[in-house]
Amino acid sequence: MAKRRGGRKCRGANTRLVRRKRGKGRKGRKGGKKQSKDVFALCVNHPGTKAQPYLFPALAEGKKFLRANLARTITKAGTSNPTRLINALDQLASTAASVVLSQAETRVPVDKGDLKGSLNKRRASLMFYTVGTNKVYAEGVEKGTKPHKIFAKKKVLKFPRSGARGQSRGRAR
């Protein structure tokens, strides 16, 4: 048995506590309330998620872009003027970061679009750019997750049952 934060324990796989609304009868009877078709739980076992890499393949595309354009950029800028060469290389690094960003945006799996919208390119210093996101779950999407337990932050977790109010289990449609 896994211990839950706060000392309570979560028993076994997919422990569920079913709770229904109280009433004198089912819908249709006089004065009765409709029973809830939701499932409530203290914790559930999550099976984990499959990795869906979007940033690492985009970085590979950025490396290819740099390799293809580096010699041409150095030749074009010339080596006699170091300032001009540094500016040209900084521009190449910026363009490569833009390539990585656009590739990551096309490869990222989209549910609501929050992760895709949070991808950004930022200049850290001269010839050094970062492409990333501020979302906490981005690493879980990129690398996948192992099976783990999900505990209720409040009193219980709530899941709609199959067929409840026209919704399937999981995402509402």
N, C-alpha and C. Protein backbone atom coordinates (compact mmCIF):
# COMPACT_ATOMS: atom_id res chain seq x y z
N MET A 1 0.83 -1.18 0.00
CA MET A 1 0.00 0.00 0.00
C MET A 1 0.87 1.25 0.00
N ALA A 2 0.56 2.16 -0.88
CA ALA A 2 1.33 3.40 -0.98
C ALA A 2 0.76 4.43 -0.01
N LYS A 3 1.65 5.12 0.67
CA LYS A 3 1.21 6.17 1.60
C LYS A 3 0.88 7.43 0.83
N ARG A 4 -0.16 8.05 1.24
CA ARG A 4 -0.58 9.30 0.64
C ARG A 4 -0.07 10.45 1.49
N ARG A 5 0.14 11.61 0.86
CA ARG A 5 0.51 12.79 1.63
C ARG A 5 -0.55 13.01 2.70
N GLY A 6 -0.12 13.32 3.88
CA GLY A 6 -1.08 13.55 4.95
C GLY A 6 -1.34 12.29 5.75
N GLY A 7 -0.65 11.19 5.47
CA GLY A 7 -0.76 9.98 6.26
C GLY A 7 -1.78 8.98 5.77
N ARG A 8 -2.75 9.37 4.93
CA ARG A 8 -3.75 8.42 4.45
C ARG A 8 -3.15 7.49 3.41
N LYS A 9 -3.74 6.31 3.26
CA LYS A 9 -3.20 5.33 2.33
C LYS A 9 -4.14 5.15 1.15
N CYS A 10 -3.55 4.79 0.02
CA CYS A 10 -4.31 4.47 -1.18
C CYS A 10 -4.24 2.97 -1.37
N ARG A 11 -5.36 2.28 -1.28
CA ARG A 11 -5.36 0.83 -1.36
C ARG A 11 -5.44 0.34 -2.80
N GLY A 12 -4.57 -0.58 -3.15
CA GLY A 12 -4.66 -1.32 -4.40
C GLY A 12 -4.74 -0.50 -5.67
N ALA A 13 -4.91 -1.20 -6.77
CA ALA A 13 -4.96 -0.57 -8.08
C ALA A 13 -6.34 0.04 -8.32
N ASN A 14 -6.34 1.26 -8.79
CA ASN A 14 -7.57 1.96 -9.19
C ASN A 14 -8.64 1.95 -8.10
N THR A 15 -8.25 2.27 -6.87
CA THR A 15 -9.21 2.33 -5.76
C THR A 15 -10.24 3.41 -6.06
N ARG A 16 -11.51 3.05 -5.96
CA ARG A 16 -12.56 4.01 -6.25
C ARG A 16 -13.58 4.02 -5.13
N LEU A 17 -14.02 5.18 -4.78
CA LEU A 17 -15.11 5.34 -3.82
C LEU A 17 -16.29 5.89 -4.60
N VAL A 18 -17.36 5.11 -4.70
CA VAL A 18 -18.52 5.57 -5.45
C VAL A 18 -19.47 6.26 -4.48
N ARG A 19 -19.86 7.47 -4.82
CA ARG A 19 -20.74 8.25 -3.97
C ARG A 19 -21.88 8.79 -4.84
N ARG A 20 -23.07 8.64 -4.36
CA ARG A 20 -24.22 9.12 -5.12
C ARG A 20 -24.92 10.21 -4.33
N LYS A 21 -25.62 11.08 -5.07
CA LYS A 21 -26.41 12.13 -4.40
C LYS A 21 -27.58 11.48 -3.67
N ARG A 22 -27.90 12.01 -2.52
CA ARG A 22 -29.00 11.45 -1.74
C ARG A 22 -30.33 12.03 -2.19
N GLY A 23 -31.33 11.19 -2.20
CA GLY A 23 -32.66 11.63 -2.57
C GLY A 23 -33.66 10.56 -2.19
N LYS A 24 -34.95 10.85 -2.32
CA LYS A 24 -35.97 9.88 -1.95
C LYS A 24 -36.22 8.85 -3.03
N GLY A 25 -35.73 9.11 -4.20
CA GLY A 25 -35.96 8.15 -5.27
C GLY A 25 -35.24 8.58 -6.52
N ARG A 26 -35.51 7.87 -7.59
CA ARG A 26 -34.89 8.22 -8.87
C ARG A 26 -35.69 9.31 -9.56
N LYS A 27 -35.09 9.86 -10.61
CA LYS A 27 -35.76 10.91 -11.36
C LYS A 27 -37.07 10.34 -11.93
N GLY A 28 -38.08 11.11 -11.85
CA GLY A 28 -39.37 10.63 -12.33
C GLY A 28 -40.34 10.43 -11.17
N ARG A 29 -39.81 10.07 -10.00
CA ARG A 29 -40.66 9.96 -8.83
C ARG A 29 -40.86 11.35 -8.25
N LYS A 30 -41.92 11.50 -7.57
CA LYS A 30 -42.25 12.80 -7.00
C LYS A 30 -41.24 13.15 -5.91
N GLY A 31 -40.61 14.32 -6.05
CA GLY A 31 -39.69 14.79 -5.03
C GLY A 31 -38.32 14.14 -5.05
N GLY A 32 -38.07 13.23 -5.98
CA GLY A 32 -36.78 12.54 -6.02
C GLY A 32 -35.73 13.33 -6.77
N LYS A 33 -34.48 13.06 -6.47
CA LYS A 33 -33.38 13.71 -7.16
C LYS A 33 -32.70 12.72 -8.09
N LYS A 34 -32.09 13.25 -9.13
CA LYS A 34 -31.36 12.41 -10.07
C LYS A 34 -30.06 11.94 -9.40
N GLN A 35 -29.75 10.65 -9.54
CA GLN A 35 -28.54 10.13 -8.94
C GLN A 35 -27.32 10.51 -9.78
N SER A 36 -26.21 10.77 -9.11
CA SER A 36 -24.97 11.12 -9.80
C SER A 36 -24.39 9.89 -10.48
N LYS A 37 -23.88 10.08 -11.70
CA LYS A 37 -23.26 8.97 -12.40
C LYS A 37 -21.74 9.13 -12.42
N ASP A 38 -21.21 9.96 -11.54
CA ASP A 38 -19.78 10.19 -11.49
C ASP A 38 -19.11 9.22 -10.54
N VAL A 39 -17.85 8.95 -10.78
CA VAL A 39 -17.04 8.09 -9.93
C VAL A 39 -16.06 8.97 -9.17
N PHE A 40 -15.95 8.77 -7.87
CA PHE A 40 -15.06 9.55 -7.04
C PHE A 40 -13.96 8.65 -6.49
N ALA A 41 -12.74 9.18 -6.34
CA ALA A 41 -11.63 8.36 -5.85
C ALA A 41 -10.67 9.21 -5.04
N LEU A 42 -9.98 8.55 -4.09
CA LEU A 42 -8.91 9.21 -3.35
C LEU A 42 -7.64 9.24 -4.18
N CYS A 43 -7.39 8.15 -4.90
CA CYS A 43 -6.23 8.10 -5.78
C CYS A 43 -6.49 7.08 -6.89
N VAL A 44 -5.76 7.22 -7.98
CA VAL A 44 -5.84 6.27 -9.09
C VAL A 44 -4.44 5.95 -9.57
N ASN A 45 -4.29 4.77 -10.14
CA ASN A 45 -3.02 4.39 -10.75
C ASN A 45 -3.03 4.84 -12.19
N HIS A 46 -2.09 5.70 -12.55
CA HIS A 46 -1.97 6.16 -13.93
C HIS A 46 -1.02 5.23 -14.66
N PRO A 47 -1.37 4.72 -15.84
CA PRO A 47 -0.51 3.74 -16.52
C PRO A 47 0.76 4.35 -17.12
N GLY A 48 0.89 5.67 -17.12
CA GLY A 48 2.05 6.31 -17.76
C GLY A 48 1.69 6.71 -19.18
N THR A 49 2.55 7.51 -19.78
CA THR A 49 2.31 7.97 -21.14
C THR A 49 3.50 7.64 -22.03
N LYS A 50 3.21 7.47 -23.29
CA LYS A 50 4.24 7.19 -24.28
C LYS A 50 4.95 8.50 -24.64
N ALA A 51 6.25 8.41 -24.86
CA ALA A 51 7.02 9.60 -25.24
C ALA A 51 6.58 10.10 -26.61
N GLN A 52 6.43 11.41 -26.74
CA GLN A 52 6.09 12.05 -28.01
C GLN A 52 7.10 13.16 -28.25
N PRO A 53 8.33 12.80 -28.63
CA PRO A 53 9.37 13.83 -28.76
C PRO A 53 9.05 14.84 -29.86
N TYR A 54 9.21 16.09 -29.51
CA TYR A 54 9.00 17.17 -30.47
C TYR A 54 10.19 18.12 -30.49
N LEU A 55 10.91 18.26 -29.38
CA LEU A 55 12.00 19.22 -29.31
C LEU A 55 13.33 18.61 -29.79
N PHE A 56 13.62 17.36 -29.43
CA PHE A 56 14.88 16.75 -29.87
C PHE A 56 14.97 16.59 -31.38
N PRO A 57 13.91 16.13 -32.07
CA PRO A 57 13.98 16.10 -33.53
C PRO A 57 14.13 17.50 -34.14
N ALA A 58 13.52 18.50 -33.50
CA ALA A 58 13.66 19.88 -33.99
C ALA A 58 15.09 20.37 -33.83
N LEU A 59 15.76 19.97 -32.74
CA LEU A 59 17.17 20.33 -32.55
C LEU A 59 18.05 19.70 -33.62
N ALA A 60 17.73 18.49 -34.02
CA ALA A 60 18.48 17.83 -35.10
C ALA A 60 18.34 18.61 -36.40
N GLU A 61 17.14 19.13 -36.67
CA GLU A 61 16.93 19.94 -37.87
C GLU A 61 17.74 21.24 -37.79
N GLY A 62 17.82 21.83 -36.60
CA GLY A 62 18.62 23.04 -36.41
C GLY A 62 20.11 22.80 -36.64
N LYS A 63 20.60 21.64 -36.20
CA LYS A 63 22.01 21.27 -36.43
C LYS A 63 22.29 21.12 -37.92
N LYS A 64 21.36 20.47 -38.63
CA LYS A 64 21.53 20.32 -40.09
C LYS A 64 21.59 21.68 -40.77
N PHE A 65 20.72 22.59 -40.33
CA PHE A 65 20.70 23.94 -40.90
C PHE A 65 22.03 24.65 -40.65
N LEU A 66 22.56 24.54 -39.43
CA LEU A 66 23.85 25.18 -39.12
C LEU A 66 24.98 24.61 -39.96
N ARG A 67 25.04 23.28 -40.06
CA ARG A 67 26.10 22.64 -40.86
C ARG A 67 26.04 23.06 -42.32
N ALA A 68 24.83 23.20 -42.84
CA ALA A 68 24.67 23.55 -44.25
C ALA A 68 25.05 25.01 -44.53
N ASN A 69 24.88 25.90 -43.56
CA ASN A 69 25.05 27.33 -43.82
C ASN A 69 26.26 27.97 -43.16
N LEU A 70 26.97 27.24 -42.31
CA LEU A 70 28.08 27.85 -41.57
C LEU A 70 29.22 28.28 -42.48
N ALA A 71 29.68 27.41 -43.36
CA ALA A 71 30.80 27.75 -44.26
C ALA A 71 30.45 28.93 -45.16
N ARG A 72 29.23 28.93 -45.69
CA ARG A 72 28.81 30.02 -46.57
C ARG A 72 28.76 31.35 -45.81
N THR A 73 28.30 31.31 -44.55
CA THR A 73 28.22 32.53 -43.74
C THR A 73 29.61 33.09 -43.45
N ILE A 74 30.56 32.21 -43.12
CA ILE A 74 31.93 32.66 -42.83
C ILE A 74 32.58 33.23 -44.08
N THR A 75 32.38 32.57 -45.21
CA THR A 75 32.95 33.05 -46.46
C THR A 75 32.36 34.40 -46.85
N LYS A 76 31.05 34.54 -46.70
CA LYS A 76 30.37 35.77 -47.07
C LYS A 76 30.78 36.94 -46.17
N ALA A 77 30.93 36.70 -44.86
CA ALA A 77 31.28 37.77 -43.93
C ALA A 77 32.75 38.14 -44.01
N GLY A 78 33.59 37.18 -44.37
CA GLY A 78 35.03 37.43 -44.43
C GLY A 78 35.65 37.37 -43.05
N THR A 79 36.94 37.12 -43.00
CA THR A 79 37.62 36.99 -41.72
C THR A 79 38.42 38.24 -41.37
N SER A 80 38.47 39.22 -42.26
CA SER A 80 39.28 40.41 -42.00
C SER A 80 38.62 41.34 -40.96
N ASN A 81 37.29 41.37 -40.92
CA ASN A 81 36.59 42.22 -39.97
C ASN A 81 35.89 41.33 -38.92
N PRO A 82 36.46 41.22 -37.69
CA PRO A 82 35.89 40.32 -36.69
C PRO A 82 34.48 40.71 -36.25
N THR A 83 34.18 42.00 -36.17
CA THR A 83 32.85 42.44 -35.75
C THR A 83 31.79 42.00 -36.76
N ARG A 84 32.11 42.13 -38.02
CA ARG A 84 31.17 41.72 -39.07
C ARG A 84 30.95 40.21 -39.02
N LEU A 85 32.02 39.44 -38.78
CA LEU A 85 31.92 37.98 -38.70
C LEU A 85 31.06 37.57 -37.49
N ILE A 86 31.29 38.22 -36.35
CA ILE A 86 30.51 37.89 -35.15
C ILE A 86 29.04 38.21 -35.35
N ASN A 87 28.73 39.33 -35.97
CA ASN A 87 27.34 39.68 -36.25
C ASN A 87 26.69 38.70 -37.21
N ALA A 88 27.45 38.25 -38.21
CA ALA A 88 26.92 37.28 -39.18
C ALA A 88 26.65 35.93 -38.50
N LEU A 89 27.57 35.52 -37.62
CA LEU A 89 27.37 34.25 -36.90
C LEU A 89 26.21 34.35 -35.91
N ASP A 90 26.04 35.52 -35.28
CA ASP A 90 24.91 35.72 -34.38
C ASP A 90 23.59 35.64 -35.16
N GLN A 91 23.58 36.22 -36.35
CA GLN A 91 22.39 36.16 -37.20
C GLN A 91 22.10 34.72 -37.62
N LEU A 92 23.14 33.95 -37.91
CA LEU A 92 22.98 32.54 -38.27
C LEU A 92 22.42 31.75 -37.09
N ALA A 93 22.93 32.01 -35.88
CA ALA A 93 22.42 31.33 -34.69
C ALA A 93 20.96 31.67 -34.45
N SER A 94 20.58 32.93 -34.67
CA SER A 94 19.19 33.35 -34.51
C SER A 94 18.29 32.64 -35.52
N THR A 95 18.75 32.54 -36.75
CA THR A 95 17.97 31.86 -37.79
C THR A 95 17.84 30.37 -37.47
N ALA A 96 18.92 29.76 -36.98
CA ALA A 96 18.88 28.34 -36.60
C ALA A 96 17.89 28.13 -35.44
N ALA A 97 17.87 29.04 -34.47
CA ALA A 97 16.91 28.94 -33.37
C ALA A 97 15.48 29.08 -33.88
N SER A 98 15.27 29.94 -34.87
CA SER A 98 13.94 30.08 -35.48
C SER A 98 13.53 28.81 -36.20
N VAL A 99 14.49 28.13 -36.84
CA VAL A 99 14.22 26.85 -37.51
C VAL A 99 13.81 25.81 -36.47
N VAL A 100 14.54 25.76 -35.34
CA VAL A 100 14.21 24.81 -34.27
C VAL A 100 12.82 25.10 -33.72
N LEU A 101 12.51 26.36 -33.51
CA LEU A 101 11.20 26.74 -32.98
C LEU A 101 10.08 26.35 -33.92
N SER A 102 10.24 26.62 -35.21
CA SER A 102 9.17 26.29 -36.16
C SER A 102 9.00 24.77 -36.29
N GLN A 103 10.13 24.02 -36.27
CA GLN A 103 10.04 22.56 -36.33
C GLN A 103 9.36 22.00 -35.08
N ALA A 104 9.69 22.56 -33.90
CA ALA A 104 9.08 22.10 -32.65
C ALA A 104 7.58 22.39 -32.65
N GLU A 105 7.18 23.54 -33.18
CA GLU A 105 5.76 23.89 -33.22
C GLU A 105 4.98 22.97 -34.16
N THR A 106 5.61 22.50 -35.24
CA THR A 106 4.91 21.58 -36.14
C THR A 106 4.86 20.16 -35.58
N ARG A 107 5.81 19.79 -34.72
CA ARG A 107 5.88 18.42 -34.21
C ARG A 107 5.19 18.22 -32.86
N VAL A 108 4.91 19.29 -32.13
CA VAL A 108 4.35 19.16 -30.78
C VAL A 108 2.93 18.60 -30.85
N PRO A 109 2.60 17.58 -30.00
CA PRO A 109 1.24 17.07 -30.00
C PRO A 109 0.29 18.12 -29.41
N VAL A 110 -0.86 18.30 -30.03
CA VAL A 110 -1.78 19.36 -29.62
C VAL A 110 -3.06 18.77 -29.08
N ASP A 111 -3.43 19.18 -27.86
CA ASP A 111 -4.74 18.86 -27.29
C ASP A 111 -5.54 20.16 -27.22
N LYS A 112 -5.09 21.08 -26.39
CA LYS A 112 -5.71 22.40 -26.31
C LYS A 112 -4.83 23.47 -26.93
N GLY A 113 -3.57 23.18 -27.17
CA GLY A 113 -2.66 24.14 -27.79
C GLY A 113 -1.86 24.96 -26.79
N ASP A 114 -1.97 24.65 -25.49
CA ASP A 114 -1.24 25.41 -24.48
C ASP A 114 0.27 25.23 -24.61
N LEU A 115 0.70 23.99 -24.83
CA LEU A 115 2.14 23.72 -24.95
C LEU A 115 2.70 24.36 -26.21
N LYS A 116 1.97 24.24 -27.31
CA LYS A 116 2.41 24.83 -28.57
C LYS A 116 2.50 26.35 -28.46
N GLY A 117 1.56 26.95 -27.79
CA GLY A 117 1.55 28.40 -27.63
C GLY A 117 2.63 28.91 -26.70
N SER A 118 3.16 28.04 -25.83
CA SER A 118 4.16 28.48 -24.87
C SER A 118 5.59 28.31 -25.38
N LEU A 119 5.77 27.67 -26.54
CA LEU A 119 7.13 27.53 -27.10
C LEU A 119 7.66 28.91 -27.49
N ASN A 120 8.92 29.17 -27.14
CA ASN A 120 9.49 30.48 -27.46
C ASN A 120 10.99 30.38 -27.72
N LYS A 121 11.51 31.44 -28.37
CA LYS A 121 12.94 31.58 -28.65
C LYS A 121 13.41 32.81 -27.89
N ARG A 122 14.55 32.68 -27.18
CA ARG A 122 15.06 33.78 -26.39
C ARG A 122 16.56 33.89 -26.57
N ARG A 123 17.06 35.12 -26.71
CA ARG A 123 18.50 35.33 -26.84
C ARG A 123 19.10 35.38 -25.43
N ALA A 124 19.99 34.45 -25.12
CA ALA A 124 20.63 34.40 -23.81
C ALA A 124 21.87 35.28 -23.79
N SER A 125 22.64 35.23 -24.85
CA SER A 125 23.82 36.08 -24.98
C SER A 125 24.22 36.09 -26.46
N LEU A 126 25.36 36.67 -26.75
CA LEU A 126 25.83 36.75 -28.13
C LEU A 126 26.02 35.34 -28.69
N MET A 127 25.39 35.03 -29.80
CA MET A 127 25.44 33.74 -30.48
C MET A 127 24.94 32.58 -29.63
N PHE A 128 24.08 32.87 -28.65
CA PHE A 128 23.53 31.82 -27.79
C PHE A 128 22.04 32.08 -27.62
N TYR A 129 21.21 31.18 -28.17
CA TYR A 129 19.76 31.30 -28.11
C TYR A 129 19.17 30.06 -27.45
N THR A 130 18.08 30.24 -26.74
CA THR A 130 17.39 29.09 -26.13
C THR A 130 16.00 28.98 -26.75
N VAL A 131 15.58 27.75 -26.98
CA VAL A 131 14.23 27.46 -27.47
C VAL A 131 13.62 26.52 -26.45
N GLY A 132 12.47 26.87 -25.92
CA GLY A 132 11.85 26.03 -24.91
C GLY A 132 10.47 26.52 -24.53
N THR A 133 10.02 26.06 -23.38
CA THR A 133 8.69 26.37 -22.88
C THR A 133 8.74 26.53 -21.37
N ASN A 134 7.74 27.18 -20.81
CA ASN A 134 7.67 27.32 -19.37
C ASN A 134 6.64 26.38 -18.74
N LYS A 135 6.09 25.47 -19.51
CA LYS A 135 5.10 24.53 -19.00
C LYS A 135 5.80 23.41 -18.23
N VAL A 136 5.24 23.06 -17.08
CA VAL A 136 5.83 22.05 -16.21
C VAL A 136 5.75 20.66 -16.84
N TYR A 137 4.68 20.38 -17.57
CA TYR A 137 4.44 19.05 -18.11
C TYR A 137 5.15 18.80 -19.44
N ALA A 138 5.91 19.76 -19.94
CA ALA A 138 6.55 19.61 -21.25
C ALA A 138 7.54 18.44 -21.27
N GLU A 139 8.28 18.25 -20.19
CA GLU A 139 9.23 17.15 -20.14
C GLU A 139 8.52 15.80 -20.16
N GLY A 140 7.35 15.71 -19.52
CA GLY A 140 6.57 14.48 -19.55
C GLY A 140 6.06 14.16 -20.94
N VAL A 141 5.74 15.18 -21.72
CA VAL A 141 5.30 14.97 -23.10
C VAL A 141 6.48 14.53 -23.95
N GLU A 142 7.62 15.20 -23.77
CA GLU A 142 8.82 14.91 -24.56
C GLU A 142 9.37 13.51 -24.30
N LYS A 143 9.50 13.15 -23.03
CA LYS A 143 10.16 11.89 -22.65
C LYS A 143 9.21 10.79 -22.22
N GLY A 144 7.94 11.11 -21.99
CA GLY A 144 6.98 10.13 -21.50
C GLY A 144 7.06 10.04 -19.98
N THR A 145 6.10 9.34 -19.39
CA THR A 145 6.08 9.17 -17.94
C THR A 145 5.96 7.70 -17.58
N LYS A 146 6.48 7.35 -16.41
CA LYS A 146 6.36 5.98 -15.90
C LYS A 146 5.01 5.86 -15.21
N PRO A 147 4.56 4.63 -14.98
CA PRO A 147 3.32 4.48 -14.20
C PRO A 147 3.47 5.12 -12.83
N HIS A 148 2.42 5.82 -12.39
CA HIS A 148 2.48 6.52 -11.11
C HIS A 148 1.08 6.68 -10.54
N LYS A 149 1.02 7.02 -9.26
CA LYS A 149 -0.26 7.24 -8.60
C LYS A 149 -0.60 8.72 -8.65
N ILE A 150 -1.87 9.02 -8.85
CA ILE A 150 -2.36 10.39 -8.81
C ILE A 150 -3.25 10.51 -7.58
N PHE A 151 -2.89 11.43 -6.68
CA PHE A 151 -3.65 11.64 -5.45
C PHE A 151 -4.52 12.88 -5.58
N ALA A 152 -5.63 12.85 -4.87
CA ALA A 152 -6.55 13.99 -4.87
C ALA A 152 -5.93 15.15 -4.10
N LYS A 153 -5.99 16.35 -4.68
CA LYS A 153 -5.48 17.53 -3.98
C LYS A 153 -6.52 18.02 -2.97
N LYS A 154 -7.78 17.86 -3.30
CA LYS A 154 -8.84 18.26 -2.38
C LYS A 154 -9.33 17.00 -1.67
N LYS A 155 -10.61 16.77 -1.62
CA LYS A 155 -11.12 15.59 -0.93
C LYS A 155 -11.06 14.34 -1.80
N VAL A 156 -11.54 14.45 -3.04
CA VAL A 156 -11.58 13.29 -3.93
C VAL A 156 -11.32 13.72 -5.37
N LEU A 157 -10.97 12.74 -6.22
CA LEU A 157 -10.88 12.94 -7.67
C LEU A 157 -12.25 12.59 -8.25
N LYS A 158 -12.68 13.27 -9.30
CA LYS A 158 -13.99 13.02 -9.89
C LYS A 158 -13.82 12.68 -11.36
N PHE A 159 -14.42 11.56 -11.77
CA PHE A 159 -14.37 11.12 -13.16
C PHE A 159 -15.79 10.87 -13.64
N PRO A 160 -16.18 11.38 -14.82
CA PRO A 160 -17.51 11.04 -15.33
C PRO A 160 -17.52 9.60 -15.81
N ARG A 161 -18.59 8.88 -15.53
CA ARG A 161 -18.71 7.50 -16.00
C ARG A 161 -19.04 7.49 -17.47
N SER A 162 -18.78 6.38 -18.14
CA SER A 162 -19.11 6.25 -19.57
C SER A 162 -20.61 6.45 -19.77
N GLY A 163 -20.94 7.30 -20.71
CA GLY A 163 -22.34 7.53 -21.02
C GLY A 163 -23.02 8.55 -20.13
N ALA A 164 -22.31 9.06 -19.14
CA ALA A 164 -22.91 10.05 -18.25
C ALA A 164 -23.04 11.38 -18.97
N ARG A 165 -24.23 11.91 -19.04
CA ARG A 165 -24.52 13.19 -19.68
C ARG A 165 -23.95 13.28 -21.10
N GLY A 166 -23.91 12.19 -21.81
CA GLY A 166 -23.45 12.22 -23.19
C GLY A 166 -21.95 12.33 -23.36
N GLN A 167 -21.20 12.17 -22.28
CA GLN A 167 -19.75 12.28 -22.38
C GLN A 167 -19.11 10.90 -22.26
N SER A 168 -18.00 10.73 -22.97
CA SER A 168 -17.25 9.50 -22.81
C SER A 168 -16.25 9.72 -21.70
N ARG A 169 -15.70 8.65 -21.17
CA ARG A 169 -14.72 8.76 -20.10
C ARG A 169 -13.48 9.44 -20.66
N GLY A 170 -12.99 10.43 -19.99
CA GLY A 170 -11.83 11.17 -20.47
C GLY A 170 -12.26 12.56 -20.90
N ARG A 171 -11.80 12.96 -22.06
CA ARG A 171 -12.04 14.32 -22.52
C ARG A 171 -13.49 14.53 -22.95
N ALA A 172 -14.08 15.62 -22.53
CA ALA A 172 -15.46 15.94 -22.91
C ALA A 172 -15.50 16.38 -24.37
N ARG A 173 -16.50 15.96 -25.06
CA ARG A 173 -16.60 16.32 -26.49
C ARG A 173 -17.75 17.24 -26.72
